[in-house]
Amino acid sequence: MFTGIIKETGRIRKIIDRNGDIEIKIQCRKILEDLDTGDSISVNGVCLTVTGLDNEGFSCDISFNTLNTTSLKYINTGDIINLESSLTTSGKLGGHFVNGHVDCTVKILKISGIGRSYIFNLELPANIRDFVALKGSIAIDGISLTVSEVKNDNFSVVIIPYTYKNTNLSHRKPGDIVNIEVDMIARYTVNFLQSRNIDDTYSRKLKDEILKEKLEKHGFTK
């Protein structure tokens, strides 16, 4: 579990092919202070396991499935990535609950400057449209952000100067692919409402069938 508050940006220093999977070596500094082998870590919003540590950074294995479903399949040596260590019970919850389980990848459509801040406009796939709400939370490459505008096929977020400077968003450009994780509260709320609608529909059909049988039994219908 994470919060979407990026602790540090790291750099991909090496990518090793492992017969369909890959191993990545990440150069970083601050996050190493609390990191141990076997820990979970968020890399661009993807929950990975630390498999090795050295003085320069850490290593992670990425399976073929994770490569196929996240933007990590596009990473290259030298890329800047967002890092967050897992949440502890005594840690601060400054963003929102983030699982590190990516829902989809989307393309950055436009980046506009407004004052000292930036507006990022991104694609909005139909399969996550119900979970994205105005002023709701969303994780983009692991960063906890607030939705500032929602349209049928795109949405926007405002990036303040601190977030822009201290995440990999300062290295992003239109056309780049980023990881998206919707707010888990929105996910469970929508799922509950959809399930209830299904149950209500089934209940109405069952009541109609029972009524029809009773009417036929007592000769009111043929």
Protein backbone atom coordinates (compact mmCIF):
# COMPACT_ATOMS: atom_id res chain seq x y z
CA MET A 1 0.00 0.00 0.00
CA PHE A 2 1.22 3.48 -0.91
CA THR A 3 0.02 7.09 -0.65
CA GLY A 4 1.00 8.59 -3.98
CA ILE A 5 3.50 10.97 -2.36
CA ILE A 6 6.75 10.49 -4.28
CA LYS A 7 9.79 10.16 -2.01
CA GLU A 8 12.43 10.50 -4.70
CA THR A 9 13.01 10.29 -8.43
CA GLY A 10 15.49 7.63 -9.50
CA ARG A 11 17.19 6.78 -12.77
CA ILE A 12 17.17 3.51 -14.69
CA ARG A 13 20.84 2.53 -14.82
CA LYS A 14 20.53 -0.93 -16.36
CA ILE A 15 17.92 -3.20 -17.98
CA ILE A 16 18.65 -6.93 -18.21
CA ASP A 17 16.61 -9.30 -20.38
CA ARG A 18 15.54 -12.42 -18.45
CA ASN A 19 13.86 -14.52 -21.18
CA GLY A 20 10.66 -12.49 -21.47
CA ASP A 21 10.91 -10.91 -18.03
CA ILE A 22 13.40 -8.15 -17.25
CA GLU A 23 15.50 -7.06 -14.31
CA ILE A 24 15.97 -3.35 -13.75
CA LYS A 25 18.64 -1.62 -11.69
CA ILE A 26 17.63 1.78 -10.35
CA GLN A 27 20.00 4.49 -9.18
CA CYS A 28 18.71 6.44 -6.18
CA ARG A 29 19.82 7.76 -2.79
CA LYS A 30 17.27 8.93 -0.20
CA ILE A 31 14.88 6.00 -0.43
CA LEU A 32 17.68 3.51 0.29
CA GLU A 33 17.70 4.55 3.96
CA ASP A 34 14.54 2.54 4.75
CA LEU A 35 14.78 -0.13 2.04
CA ASP A 36 15.45 -3.86 2.52
CA THR A 37 15.49 -6.81 0.16
CA GLY A 38 11.95 -8.18 -0.14
CA ASP A 39 10.27 -4.81 0.46
CA SER A 40 7.51 -3.56 -1.81
CA ILE A 41 8.27 -0.36 -3.69
CA SER A 42 6.30 1.75 -6.13
CA VAL A 43 8.12 2.40 -9.41
CA ASN A 44 6.10 4.79 -11.60
CA GLY A 45 3.03 3.60 -9.72
CA VAL A 46 3.73 -0.12 -10.17
CA CYS A 47 4.18 -2.20 -7.02
CA LEU A 48 7.45 -4.17 -7.37
CA THR A 49 9.62 -6.20 -5.00
CA VAL A 50 13.16 -5.18 -4.13
CA THR A 51 15.38 -8.11 -5.12
CA GLY A 52 18.81 -6.59 -4.45
CA LEU A 53 20.54 -3.58 -2.92
CA ASP A 54 23.91 -1.90 -3.35
CA ASN A 55 25.47 1.47 -2.61
CA GLU A 56 24.03 3.04 -5.76
CA GLY A 57 20.45 1.77 -5.64
CA PHE A 58 18.33 -1.36 -5.89
CA SER A 59 17.11 -4.02 -8.31
CA CYS A 60 13.65 -5.33 -9.21
CA ASP A 61 12.33 -8.09 -11.44
CA ILE A 62 9.45 -7.25 -13.78
CA SER A 63 7.35 -10.10 -15.14
CA PHE A 64 6.09 -10.32 -18.72
CA ASN A 65 2.54 -9.71 -17.45
CA THR A 66 3.50 -6.44 -15.73
CA LEU A 67 5.40 -5.36 -18.84
CA ASN A 68 2.35 -6.02 -21.00
CA THR A 69 -0.07 -4.08 -18.79
CA THR A 70 1.98 -1.06 -17.66
CA SER A 71 4.17 1.65 -19.14
CA LEU A 72 7.28 -0.12 -17.83
CA LYS A 73 7.53 -1.86 -21.19
CA TYR A 74 8.59 1.52 -22.62
CA ILE A 75 11.39 2.28 -20.12
CA ASN A 76 14.92 2.87 -21.30
CA THR A 77 18.27 3.21 -19.61
CA GLY A 78 18.61 6.74 -18.25
CA ASP A 79 14.86 7.31 -17.78
CA ILE A 80 13.74 9.19 -14.67
CA ILE A 81 11.19 7.28 -12.58
CA ASN A 82 9.02 8.01 -9.51
CA LEU A 83 9.78 6.08 -6.32
CA GLU A 84 7.76 5.55 -3.15
CA SER A 85 8.39 3.06 -0.37
CA SER A 86 5.40 1.22 1.09
CA LEU A 87 3.23 2.85 3.75
CA THR A 88 3.87 2.00 7.39
CA THR A 89 1.28 2.17 10.16
CA SER A 90 3.08 5.16 11.64
CA GLY A 91 3.55 6.93 8.30
CA LYS A 92 1.77 10.04 7.08
CA LEU A 93 -1.12 9.64 4.66
CA GLY A 94 -0.57 12.77 2.62
CA GLY A 95 -2.17 11.66 -0.64
CA HIS A 96 -4.70 8.82 -0.97
CA PHE A 97 -4.55 5.04 -0.70
CA VAL A 98 -2.74 3.63 -3.74
CA ASN A 99 -2.35 -0.12 -4.31
CA GLY A 100 0.31 -0.03 -6.96
CA HIS A 101 -1.96 -2.11 -9.22
CA VAL A 102 -2.19 -0.25 -12.53
CA ASP A 103 -5.65 -0.12 -14.12
CA CYS A 104 -4.50 1.02 -17.55
CA THR A 105 -2.03 3.15 -19.44
CA VAL A 106 -2.99 6.39 -21.18
CA LYS A 107 -1.38 8.96 -23.43
CA ILE A 108 -0.61 12.53 -22.40
CA LEU A 109 -2.52 14.65 -24.91
CA LYS A 110 -1.42 18.16 -23.97
CA ILE A 111 0.69 20.03 -21.41
CA SER A 112 -0.10 23.72 -20.82
CA GLY A 113 1.53 26.24 -18.52
CA ILE A 114 -0.70 28.43 -16.38
CA GLY A 115 1.11 30.79 -14.03
CA ARG A 116 3.72 28.67 -12.24
CA SER A 117 1.67 25.50 -12.58
CA TYR A 118 0.93 23.09 -15.42
CA ILE A 119 -2.23 21.47 -16.76
CA PHE A 120 -1.82 17.91 -18.00
CA ASN A 121 -4.58 16.69 -20.29
CA LEU A 122 -4.77 12.90 -20.70
CA GLU A 123 -6.82 10.25 -22.46
CA LEU A 124 -9.79 8.80 -20.58
CA PRO A 125 -10.53 5.21 -21.68
CA ALA A 126 -14.14 4.05 -21.45
CA ASN A 127 -13.27 1.24 -19.01
CA ILE A 128 -12.24 3.71 -16.26
CA ARG A 129 -14.63 6.56 -17.08
CA ASP A 130 -17.02 5.71 -14.20
CA PHE A 131 -14.17 5.91 -11.66
CA VAL A 132 -12.85 9.35 -12.64
CA ALA A 133 -14.73 12.23 -11.01
CA LEU A 134 -14.22 15.96 -10.80
CA LYS A 135 -12.12 16.76 -7.70
CA GLY A 136 -11.61 13.03 -7.12
CA SER A 137 -8.22 11.38 -6.61
CA ILE A 138 -6.22 9.54 -9.26
CA ALA A 139 -2.67 8.18 -9.39
CA ILE A 140 -0.60 9.03 -12.48
CA ASP A 141 2.75 7.22 -12.57
CA GLY A 142 2.24 6.69 -8.84
CA ILE A 143 1.62 10.40 -8.07
CA SER A 144 -1.51 11.23 -6.06
CA LEU A 145 -3.30 13.97 -8.01
CA THR A 146 -6.71 15.65 -8.07
CA VAL A 147 -8.88 15.59 -11.18
CA SER A 148 -9.56 19.16 -12.31
CA GLU A 149 -11.72 18.49 -15.38
CA VAL A 150 -13.51 15.47 -16.88
CA LYS A 151 -14.82 15.10 -20.43
CA ASN A 152 -16.12 12.09 -22.34
CA ASP A 153 -12.75 10.90 -23.58
CA ASN A 154 -10.17 12.93 -21.66
CA PHE A 155 -9.45 14.46 -18.27
CA SER A 156 -7.07 16.99 -16.77
CA VAL A 157 -5.01 17.49 -13.62
CA VAL A 158 -3.21 20.60 -12.37
CA ILE A 159 0.43 20.11 -11.37
CA ILE A 160 1.80 22.58 -8.83
CA PRO A 161 5.46 23.68 -9.11
CA TYR A 162 6.66 21.43 -6.26
CA THR A 163 5.13 18.30 -7.77
CA TYR A 164 6.40 19.20 -11.23
CA LYS A 165 9.94 19.69 -9.93
CA ASN A 166 10.06 16.65 -7.62
CA THR A 167 8.55 13.98 -9.88
CA ASN A 168 9.21 12.73 -13.39
CA LEU A 169 6.42 14.96 -14.75
CA SER A 170 9.04 17.59 -15.55
CA HIS A 171 10.47 15.08 -18.05
CA ARG A 172 7.12 14.19 -19.64
CA LYS A 173 5.87 15.44 -23.00
CA PRO A 174 2.72 15.01 -25.09
CA GLY A 175 2.52 11.52 -26.55
CA ASP A 176 4.19 9.87 -23.53
CA ILE A 177 2.42 6.88 -21.99
CA VAL A 178 1.76 6.90 -18.23
CA ASN A 179 0.31 4.47 -15.68
CA ILE A 180 -3.14 5.13 -14.23
CA GLU A 181 -4.63 3.77 -11.02
CA VAL A 182 -8.12 4.93 -10.12
CA ASP A 183 -9.13 5.78 -6.56
CA MET A 184 -10.00 2.55 -4.74
CA ILE A 185 -12.95 4.19 -2.95
CA ALA A 186 -14.43 5.12 -6.33
CA ARG A 187 -13.77 1.59 -7.58
CA TYR A 188 -15.58 -0.11 -4.68
CA THR A 189 -18.44 2.40 -4.70
CA VAL A 190 -19.12 1.92 -8.42
CA ASN A 191 -18.80 -1.86 -8.06
CA PHE A 192 -21.30 -1.89 -5.19
CA LEU A 193 -23.82 0.23 -7.08
CA GLN A 194 -23.50 -1.89 -10.23
CA SER A 195 -23.95 -5.09 -8.22
CA ARG A 196 -27.00 -3.66 -6.47
CA ASN A 197 -28.54 -2.70 -9.82
CA ILE A 198 -28.05 -6.27 -11.05
CA ASP A 199 -29.62 -7.64 -7.86
CA ASP A 200 -32.55 -5.21 -8.15
CA THR A 201 -33.14 -6.19 -11.77
CA TYR A 202 -33.11 -9.90 -10.87
CA SER A 203 -35.45 -9.26 -7.94
CA ARG A 204 -37.95 -7.41 -10.14
CA LYS A 205 -37.91 -10.17 -12.76
CA LEU A 206 -38.44 -12.82 -10.07
CA LYS A 207 -41.39 -10.90 -8.59
CA ASP A 208 -42.92 -10.50 -12.07
CA GLU A 209 -42.63 -14.23 -12.72
CA ILE A 210 -44.23 -15.10 -9.36
CA LEU A 211 -47.10 -12.66 -10.01
CA LYS A 212 -47.63 -14.09 -13.49
CA GLU A 213 -47.81 -17.67 -12.11
CA LYS A 214 -50.38 -16.65 -9.46
CA LEU A 215 -52.54 -14.85 -12.02
CA GLU A 216 -52.49 -17.88 -14.32
CA LYS A 217 -53.22 -20.24 -11.40
CA HIS A 218 -56.36 -18.33 -10.41
CA GLY A 219 -57.60 -17.91 -13.96
CA PHE A 220 -56.93 -14.22 -14.46
CA THR A 221 -54.68 -14.85 -17.45
CA LYS A 222 -54.38 -17.55 -20.07
